[in-house]
Amino acid sequence: MAVRTSIVDRWVECAWADHPVAIAALGAHLLVLRTSGSGDWLAWIGSAQRTDLYAAATGAVSAIGGLSAIAIAIYTTANGERLRAVRQRQRPGELRRTWRSLLQGTAWACALLLAALSLDRDGDPLSARFVFEYAMVFAALRFARFIWFFDKIMAISDADLAEEGSATVVPVRDPNWLLRGQRRYDRGGQPD
């Protein structure tokens, strides 16, 4: 378990590593293309289809970027004791840098996708499809990082809520509620 934790800790601390990993993945794909002459899946489709794909990918990446902004809002409004301690005492600069990195990564991926969209022509003379591939690998790495980070922050927040809510009485659901609703539906929506 300690080895896994150490690897995850190093991965989390090195947001910059997403760039070389994406470049390495693209480089591996280019190497396969050059040596085997096959596997250029984006060259198999026409320019119109590729640009539609680029536009759809830009929308998806932008939507996920919007969700990350919502996640930041949730994080900043949570006020449990543990989360306050994390924000105040345990490297607040690193947390801010991580959130900023995730948002900047989304913006970078969108910019690359838009560049691929604008550069692609019939026959793809500028190889815009490879810009698209790099952007998608990079975005996937950043989204994995975002999901991991958000999960950890929410786990801290949930622990605070569970502790705060331990003395709270949970309301009891009326067991006949569903039956009354069914009867009302059967009578055409008229009250009991």
C-alpha atoms as a PDB file:
ATOM      1  CA  MET A   1       0.000   0.000   0.000  1.00  0.00           C
ATOM      2  CA  ALA A   2       2.864   2.386   0.771  1.00  0.00           C
ATOM      3  CA  VAL A   3       4.307   2.012  -2.744  1.00  0.00           C
ATOM      4  CA  ARG A   4       0.927   2.804  -4.295  1.00  0.00           C
ATOM      5  CA  THR A   5       0.492   5.819  -2.017  1.00  0.00           C
ATOM      6  CA  SER A   6       3.983   7.046  -2.874  1.00  0.00           C
ATOM      7  CA  ILE A   7       3.288   6.758  -6.620  1.00  0.00           C
ATOM      8  CA  VAL A   8      -0.030   8.574  -6.283  1.00  0.00           C
ATOM      9  CA  ASP A   9       1.597  11.306  -4.172  1.00  0.00           C
ATOM     10  CA  ARG A  10       4.280  11.859  -6.795  1.00  0.00           C
ATOM     11  CA  TRP A  11       1.695  11.892  -9.578  1.00  0.00           C
ATOM     12  CA  VAL A  12      -0.388  14.492  -7.739  1.00  0.00           C
ATOM     13  CA  GLU A  13       2.583  16.743  -7.039  1.00  0.00           C
ATOM     14  CA  CYS A  14       3.748  16.758 -10.677  1.00  0.00           C
ATOM     15  CA  ALA A  15       0.952  18.340 -12.712  1.00  0.00           C
ATOM     16  CA  TRP A  16       3.586  19.378 -15.257  1.00  0.00           C
ATOM     17  CA  ALA A  17       4.149  15.681 -16.021  1.00  0.00           C
ATOM     18  CA  ASP A  18       0.906  15.581 -18.006  1.00  0.00           C
ATOM     19  CA  HIS A  19       2.631  17.416 -20.860  1.00  0.00           C
ATOM     20  CA  PRO A  20       5.537  14.965 -21.350  1.00  0.00           C
ATOM     21  CA  VAL A  21       3.221  11.980 -20.895  1.00  0.00           C
ATOM     22  CA  ALA A  22       0.888  13.316 -23.599  1.00  0.00           C
ATOM     23  CA  ILE A  23       3.885  14.011 -25.848  1.00  0.00           C
ATOM     24  CA  ALA A  24       5.205  10.493 -25.217  1.00  0.00           C
ATOM     25  CA  ALA A  25       1.810   8.971 -26.071  1.00  0.00           C
ATOM     26  CA  LEU A  26       1.645  10.992 -29.284  1.00  0.00           C
ATOM     27  CA  GLY A  27       5.254  10.088 -30.061  1.00  0.00           C
ATOM     28  CA  ALA A  28       4.501   6.398 -29.586  1.00  0.00           C
ATOM     29  CA  HIS A  29       1.550   6.712 -31.948  1.00  0.00           C
ATOM     30  CA  LEU A  30       3.692   8.521 -34.534  1.00  0.00           C
ATOM     31  CA  LEU A  31       6.362   5.824 -34.211  1.00  0.00           C
ATOM     32  CA  VAL A  32       3.764   3.125 -34.877  1.00  0.00           C
ATOM     33  CA  LEU A  33       2.537   5.116 -37.887  1.00  0.00           C
ATOM     34  CA  ARG A  34       6.011   5.514 -39.355  1.00  0.00           C
ATOM     35  CA  THR A  35       7.125   1.921 -38.786  1.00  0.00           C
ATOM     36  CA  SER A  36       3.944   0.071 -39.683  1.00  0.00           C
ATOM     37  CA  GLY A  37       2.228   2.537 -42.000  1.00  0.00           C
ATOM     38  CA  SER A  38      -1.106   1.885 -40.325  1.00  0.00           C
ATOM     39  CA  GLY A  39      -3.068   3.156 -37.361  1.00  0.00           C
ATOM     40  CA  ASP A  40      -3.694   6.722 -38.507  1.00  0.00           C
ATOM     41  CA  TRP A  41      -7.353   6.490 -37.604  1.00  0.00           C
ATOM     42  CA  LEU A  42      -8.062  10.207 -38.096  1.00  0.00           C
ATOM     43  CA  ALA A  43      -6.726  10.133 -41.662  1.00  0.00           C
ATOM     44  CA  TRP A  44      -9.342   7.509 -42.531  1.00  0.00           C
ATOM     45  CA  ILE A  45     -12.168   9.990 -42.146  1.00  0.00           C
ATOM     46  CA  GLY A  46     -12.774  13.110 -44.195  1.00  0.00           C
ATOM     47  CA  SER A  47     -11.944  16.637 -43.132  1.00  0.00           C
ATOM     48  CA  ALA A  48     -15.603  17.489 -42.484  1.00  0.00           C
ATOM     49  CA  GLN A  49     -15.944  14.538 -40.136  1.00  0.00           C
ATOM     50  CA  ARG A  50     -12.696  15.404 -38.363  1.00  0.00           C
ATOM     51  CA  THR A  51     -13.752  19.004 -37.798  1.00  0.00           C
ATOM     52  CA  ASP A  52     -17.084  17.784 -36.413  1.00  0.00           C
ATOM     53  CA  LEU A  53     -15.126  15.547 -34.052  1.00  0.00           C
ATOM     54  CA  TYR A  54     -12.878  18.436 -33.013  1.00  0.00           C
ATOM     55  CA  ALA A  55     -15.890  20.651 -32.330  1.00  0.00           C
ATOM     56  CA  ALA A  56     -17.634  17.953 -30.291  1.00  0.00           C
ATOM     57  CA  ALA A  57     -14.464  17.332 -28.291  1.00  0.00           C
ATOM     58  CA  THR A  58     -14.090  21.059 -27.628  1.00  0.00           C
ATOM     59  CA  GLY A  59     -17.642  21.155 -26.277  1.00  0.00           C
ATOM     60  CA  ALA A  60     -17.067  18.130 -24.048  1.00  0.00           C
ATOM     61  CA  VAL A  61     -13.784  19.473 -22.666  1.00  0.00           C
ATOM     62  CA  SER A  62     -15.399  22.868 -22.044  1.00  0.00           C
ATOM     63  CA  ALA A  63     -18.321  21.256 -20.229  1.00  0.00           C
ATOM     64  CA  ILE A  64     -15.977  19.330 -17.974  1.00  0.00           C
ATOM     65  CA  GLY A  65     -14.053  22.547 -17.364  1.00  0.00           C
ATOM     66  CA  GLY A  66     -17.316  24.147 -16.270  1.00  0.00           C
ATOM     67  CA  LEU A  67     -17.911  21.277 -13.878  1.00  0.00           C
ATOM     68  CA  SER A  68     -14.477  21.808 -12.394  1.00  0.00           C
ATOM     69  CA  ALA A  69     -15.409  25.439 -11.730  1.00  0.00           C
ATOM     70  CA  ILE A  70     -18.501  24.190  -9.894  1.00  0.00           C
ATOM     71  CA  ALA A  71     -16.293  21.817  -7.912  1.00  0.00           C
ATOM     72  CA  ILE A  72     -14.130  24.751  -6.867  1.00  0.00           C
ATOM     73  CA  ALA A  73     -17.240  26.614  -5.707  1.00  0.00           C
ATOM     74  CA  ILE A  74     -18.298  23.624  -3.614  1.00  0.00           C
ATOM     75  CA  TYR A  75     -14.810  23.378  -2.161  1.00  0.00           C
ATOM     76  CA  THR A  76     -14.652  27.050  -1.222  1.00  0.00           C
ATOM     77  CA  THR A  77     -18.064  27.050   0.477  1.00  0.00           C
ATOM     78  CA  ALA A  78     -17.543  23.915   2.574  1.00  0.00           C
ATOM     79  CA  ASN A  79     -16.687  24.886   6.133  1.00  0.00           C
ATOM     80  CA  GLY A  80     -16.070  21.703   8.062  1.00  0.00           C
ATOM     81  CA  GLU A  81     -13.248  21.573  10.586  1.00  0.00           C
ATOM     82  CA  ARG A  82     -11.095  19.169   8.575  1.00  0.00           C
ATOM     83  CA  LEU A  83     -11.495  21.074   5.320  1.00  0.00           C
ATOM     84  CA  ARG A  84     -10.689  24.376   7.039  1.00  0.00           C
ATOM     85  CA  ALA A  85      -7.539  22.802   8.469  1.00  0.00           C
ATOM     86  CA  VAL A  86      -6.513  21.568   5.019  1.00  0.00           C
ATOM     87  CA  ARG A  87      -7.102  24.987   3.480  1.00  0.00           C
ATOM     88  CA  GLN A  88      -5.419  26.974   6.250  1.00  0.00           C
ATOM     89  CA  ARG A  89      -2.551  24.865   7.560  1.00  0.00           C
ATOM     90  CA  GLN A  90      -1.737  22.142   5.078  1.00  0.00           C
ATOM     91  CA  ARG A  91      -0.233  23.822   2.073  1.00  0.00           C
ATOM     92  CA  PRO A  92      -2.953  26.259   0.979  1.00  0.00           C
ATOM     93  CA  GLY A  93      -0.706  27.478  -1.857  1.00  0.00           C
ATOM     94  CA  GLU A  94      -0.479  23.970  -3.299  1.00  0.00           C
ATOM     95  CA  LEU A  95      -4.254  23.545  -3.235  1.00  0.00           C
ATOM     96  CA  ARG A  96      -4.731  26.826  -5.054  1.00  0.00           C
ATOM     97  CA  ARG A  97      -2.010  25.894  -7.546  1.00  0.00           C
ATOM     98  CA  THR A  98      -3.653  22.516  -8.175  1.00  0.00           C
ATOM     99  CA  TRP A  99      -7.085  24.040  -8.836  1.00  0.00           C
ATOM    100  CA  ARG A 100      -5.528  26.661 -11.088  1.00  0.00           C
ATOM    101  CA  SER A 101      -3.561  23.991 -12.944  1.00  0.00           C
ATOM    102  CA  LEU A 102      -6.715  21.981 -13.573  1.00  0.00           C
ATOM    103  CA  LEU A 103      -8.561  24.983 -14.965  1.00  0.00           C
ATOM    104  CA  GLN A 104      -5.583  26.093 -17.043  1.00  0.00           C
ATOM    105  CA  GLY A 105      -5.243  22.553 -18.396  1.00  0.00           C
ATOM    106  CA  THR A 106      -8.847  22.664 -19.548  1.00  0.00           C
ATOM    107  CA  ALA A 107      -8.277  26.010 -21.227  1.00  0.00           C
ATOM    108  CA  TRP A 108      -5.078  24.713 -22.889  1.00  0.00           C
ATOM    109  CA  ALA A 109      -6.857  21.599 -24.195  1.00  0.00           C
ATOM    110  CA  CYS A 110      -9.719  23.737 -25.569  1.00  0.00           C
ATOM    111  CA  ALA A 111      -7.255  26.103 -27.251  1.00  0.00           C
ATOM    112  CA  LEU A 112      -5.475  23.173 -28.902  1.00  0.00           C
ATOM    113  CA  LEU A 113      -8.757  21.641 -30.020  1.00  0.00           C
ATOM    114  CA  LEU A 114      -9.856  24.945 -31.517  1.00  0.00           C
ATOM    115  CA  ALA A 115      -6.479  25.254 -33.248  1.00  0.00           C
ATOM    116  CA  ALA A 116      -6.921  21.770 -34.734  1.00  0.00           C
ATOM    117  CA  LEU A 117     -10.435  22.732 -35.813  1.00  0.00           C
ATOM    118  CA  SER A 118      -9.213  25.850 -37.590  1.00  0.00           C
ATOM    119  CA  LEU A 119      -6.117  24.251 -39.176  1.00  0.00           C
ATOM    120  CA  ASP A 120      -7.629  21.064 -40.580  1.00  0.00           C
ATOM    121  CA  ARG A 121      -8.094  21.008 -44.365  1.00  0.00           C
ATOM    122  CA  ASP A 122      -8.666  18.312 -46.972  1.00  0.00           C
ATOM    123  CA  GLY A 123      -5.787  15.880 -46.744  1.00  0.00           C
ATOM    124  CA  ASP A 124      -4.716  17.518 -43.446  1.00  0.00           C
ATOM    125  CA  PRO A 125      -1.507  19.097 -44.825  1.00  0.00           C
ATOM    126  CA  LEU A 126      -0.721  20.726 -41.451  1.00  0.00           C
ATOM    127  CA  SER A 127      -1.243  17.489 -39.450  1.00  0.00           C
ATOM    128  CA  ALA A 128      -3.876  19.128 -37.243  1.00  0.00           C
ATOM    129  CA  ARG A 129      -5.137  15.665 -36.323  1.00  0.00           C
ATOM    130  CA  PHE A 130      -2.008  15.163 -34.219  1.00  0.00           C
ATOM    131  CA  VAL A 131      -2.676  18.403 -32.360  1.00  0.00           C
ATOM    132  CA  PHE A 132      -6.119  16.949 -31.633  1.00  0.00           C
ATOM    133  CA  GLU A 133      -4.618  13.675 -30.395  1.00  0.00           C
ATOM    134  CA  TYR A 134      -2.200  15.475 -28.079  1.00  0.00           C
ATOM    135  CA  ALA A 135      -5.014  17.676 -26.717  1.00  0.00           C
ATOM    136  CA  MET A 136      -7.237  14.683 -26.014  1.00  0.00           C
ATOM    137  CA  VAL A 137      -4.505  12.714 -24.231  1.00  0.00           C
ATOM    138  CA  PHE A 138      -3.592  15.798 -22.203  1.00  0.00           C
ATOM    139  CA  ALA A 139      -7.252  16.477 -21.349  1.00  0.00           C
ATOM    140  CA  ALA A 140      -7.764  12.849 -20.290  1.00  0.00           C
ATOM    141  CA  LEU A 141      -4.768  13.062 -17.959  1.00  0.00           C
ATOM    142  CA  ARG A 142      -6.018  16.310 -16.450  1.00  0.00           C
ATOM    143  CA  PHE A 143      -9.526  14.947 -16.020  1.00  0.00           C
ATOM    144  CA  ALA A 144      -8.161  11.896 -14.199  1.00  0.00           C
ATOM    145  CA  ARG A 145      -6.203  14.243 -11.947  1.00  0.00           C
ATOM    146  CA  PHE A 146      -9.303  16.400 -11.398  1.00  0.00           C
ATOM    147  CA  ILE A 147     -11.513  13.451 -10.507  1.00  0.00           C
ATOM    148  CA  TRP A 148      -8.941  12.103  -8.055  1.00  0.00           C
ATOM    149  CA  PHE A 149      -8.429  15.501  -6.424  1.00  0.00           C
ATOM    150  CA  PHE A 150     -12.129  16.301  -6.208  1.00  0.00           C
ATOM    151  CA  ASP A 151     -12.818  12.874  -4.694  1.00  0.00           C
ATOM    152  CA  LYS A 152     -10.232  13.489  -1.969  1.00  0.00           C
ATOM    153  CA  ILE A 153     -11.623  16.946  -1.169  1.00  0.00           C
ATOM    154  CA  MET A 154     -15.178  15.601  -1.048  1.00  0.00           C
ATOM    155  CA  ALA A 155     -14.080  12.742   1.237  1.00  0.00           C
ATOM    156  CA  ILE A 156     -12.723  15.315   3.684  1.00  0.00           C
ATOM    157  CA  SER A 157     -15.919  17.347   3.413  1.00  0.00           C
ATOM    158  CA  ASP A 158     -18.068  14.225   3.872  1.00  0.00           C
ATOM    159  CA  ALA A 159     -16.107  13.264   6.984  1.00  0.00           C
ATOM    160  CA  ASP A 160     -16.836  16.716   8.415  1.00  0.00           C
ATOM    161  CA  LEU A 161     -20.533  16.415   7.587  1.00  0.00           C
ATOM    162  CA  ALA A 162     -20.791  12.930   9.086  1.00  0.00           C
ATOM    163  CA  GLU A 163     -19.230  14.167  12.303  1.00  0.00           C
ATOM    164  CA  GLU A 164     -21.459  17.248  12.454  1.00  0.00           C
ATOM    165  CA  GLY A 165     -24.586  15.265  11.645  1.00  0.00           C
ATOM    166  CA  SER A 166     -24.011  12.493  14.187  1.00  0.00           C
ATOM    167  CA  ALA A 167     -26.359  14.123  16.699  1.00  0.00           C
ATOM    168  CA  THR A 168     -28.956  15.029  14.080  1.00  0.00           C
ATOM    169  CA  VAL A 169     -32.200  13.112  14.115  1.00  0.00           C
ATOM    170  CA  VAL A 170     -32.991  11.554  10.750  1.00  0.00           C
ATOM    171  CA  PRO A 171     -36.628  12.123   9.755  1.00  0.00           C
ATOM    172  CA  VAL A 172     -38.731   8.992   9.500  1.00  0.00           C
ATOM    173  CA  ARG A 173     -40.488   8.384   6.205  1.00  0.00           C
ATOM    174  CA  ASP A 174     -44.195   7.661   6.390  1.00  0.00           C
ATOM    175  CA  PRO A 175     -44.567   4.081   5.078  1.00  0.00           C
ATOM    176  CA  ASN A 176     -48.025   4.853   3.665  1.00  0.00           C
ATOM    177  CA  TRP A 177     -46.809   7.804   1.606  1.00  0.00           C
ATOM    178  CA  LEU A 178     -46.220   5.726  -1.523  1.00  0.00           C
ATOM    179  CA  LEU A 179     -49.585   3.954  -1.183  1.00  0.00           C
ATOM    180  CA  ARG A 180     -51.422   7.290  -0.828  1.00  0.00           C
ATOM    181  CA  GLY A 181     -49.661   8.617  -3.929  1.00  0.00           C
ATOM    182  CA  GLN A 182     -50.681   5.532  -5.909  1.00  0.00           C
ATOM    183  CA  ARG A 183     -54.317   5.888  -4.811  1.00  0.00           C
ATOM    184  CA  ARG A 184     -54.299   9.556  -5.785  1.00  0.00           C
ATOM    185  CA  TYR A 185     -52.866   8.641  -9.199  1.00  0.00           C
ATOM    186  CA  ASP A 186     -55.513   5.939  -9.682  1.00  0.00           C
ATOM    187  CA  ARG A 187     -58.302   8.475  -8.939  1.00  0.00           C
ATOM    188  CA  GLY A 188     -56.985  10.888 -11.528  1.00  0.00           C
ATOM    189  CA  GLY A 189     -54.935  13.146  -9.282  1.00  0.00           C
ATOM    190  CA  GLN A 190     -57.692  14.098  -6.815  1.00  0.00           C
ATOM    191  CA  PRO A 191     -56.687  14.698  -3.166  1.00  0.00           C
ATOM    192  CA  ASP A 192     -57.317  12.104  -0.421  1.00  0.00           C
END
